[in-house]
Amino acid sequence: MAKSVKAKAAAHDTNFFGDVCAFFDKAASFTKHPQGLLNQIKTCNSVYRFQFPIRKANGSIEVIDAWRVEHSHHKLPTKGGIRYSEMVNEDEVMALAALMTYKCAIVNVGFGGAKGGVKINPKNYTVGELENITRRYTAELIKKNFIGPGIDVPAPDYGTGEREMSWIVDTYATFNPGSLDASACVTGKPISQSGINGRREATGRGVFFATRECVSVPEDMKKIGLTPGIEGKKVIVQGLGNVGFYSAKFIQEAGGVIVGLCEYEGSIYNPKGLDVEKVFEHRKKTGSILGYKGATKEFKNSSVGLEQECDILVPAALENQITIENIKRIKAKIIAEGANGPTTPEAADFFMKKGGIIIPDAYCNAGGVTVSYFEWLKNLSHVAFGRMDKRYEENQNRTLVDTIEKATGVKLSADQRKLIVKGPDELELVNSGLEESMVRSYHEIREIKLMNKKIDSLRTAAFVGAIDKIAVSYMNLGIFP
């Protein structure tokens, strides 16, 4: 999930935080809140930039650049991932923190937005060195009160995962002995470290739910010349990390046809479809998606893969992948933004003028923070979802089935009985909660757009909804009478 050389250059040339603010300003014009309140919502409340030294395995000392940005304190704790990348800079971290604020508001998750970044390429460090970097980064956050279950709760992002989250929670617990809620200081942890089932695939599953809801509305699909439903839709996915892989997997399982996959080393295409799991295994063995036998076309220039025939394009890599330079060659009718900021404002405007639909990142990839919210709640309650009521529900269901069988004289098969009686486990409850959040939020956004004919996009509608919710929070706090 890395960028091409051109994309990297574009990222440096683009003001990512400025792009987010431009989206905000456009949406704010459709609200009636005072300018001072809008300025408070838009600005980053706290920007912590720091450096720290680490000793490398060869004995040399390296100074690491790092950031933690808390964008909005209208709700606490703040929430946002930690990114490990050579491309990390202050502008990017501020932009991602702002997007987290709006994202949480859009899907009705009670957090303010935050983000963290460490300017390294993880591939250039040993596991021991990465552990030292992660623990030192955490220690620096603790010193400045930038981490804690009720203060600021990090999560995985590009370049980090469950392993890094385990190191963070252990470091936090070491600095806070006896803290009852220490495990709630970070989400995205392994199950063995008080994580939650379904978190790893949550963002990708959320992208699937968002895409499915979009294509399920007949009148919207009629306008762009598509039939309703995900089945049979031709989809290209950029990125085979957690988000891209699970987005593609769930879309494929629902009947969508994954015709193209793009990664930093190139892209592959087959109009009849690619087997996502087989491509993933091929890349695991060879280090590249290129050379996969099931592809009819392959391109060493990864961005060319985005421009092939499809109905839906899912950019699930990094920001600024779809620009005014390549949007004119993109043939998709729907862009589902699995990544943060993959489409520049100019490209988005051009695409929508052509009649396309963009499912905005601030909503589309909110599955991760939604399930992170569930994990945080689990850590605070110290009880896994389903543990208290699973057997009770099964006993109730069994009694109901027995009563129906007795009244009707009809006996169910063992498999039918098992299916009906079964109580939900944690994964099923998490997925149900995620689906409810994504489905409800999509139709909230769509309703805002329908209610105001001047709102031209789902993105603007999503921002309008987020701004209204955040503004109400601030006003109820008494800061703005």
Foldseek 3Di string as FASTA:
>chain_A
DDDAPVLLVVVVVDQLLVLLVVLLVVLCVVDDDDPVLSVLLSAFPDKDWDWDWDQAPVRDIDIKTKIKTFRDVLFWDAEEAEAEELSDDRSVQNNQQSLSQLLCLLLVFRHHGMYMYINHDVVVGDPVRVLVVLLVVLVVCVVVVNWDLGHYEYEHDHPDAQVSLVSNLVSQCVVVPPDLLSLLRYARHPVVSLHFPPLLLQLLVLLQLLVLLQQQDQVLCVLLVHGRGLAAFEEEEEDCHSNRLSVVVVSVVRHHADAKYFYLQWIFGDPRHDDSVVLVVVCVVVVDSPPPPVGPDIGRHRLVRQLDDGAEYEYQDEACSAEPVCLVRGHYQEYRYSYAHNYGPVSVVVSVVVVGAYNHNSQSRSRNVLLSSVSSVCSVVVHAPCPVCFVVQLVVQLVVLVVVCVVVVDDDDPVVNCVRSGGDGRNVVSSVSSSVSNNVSSVQLVVQCVVDVVDRHSSSSSSSSSSVSSSVSCVVVVVND
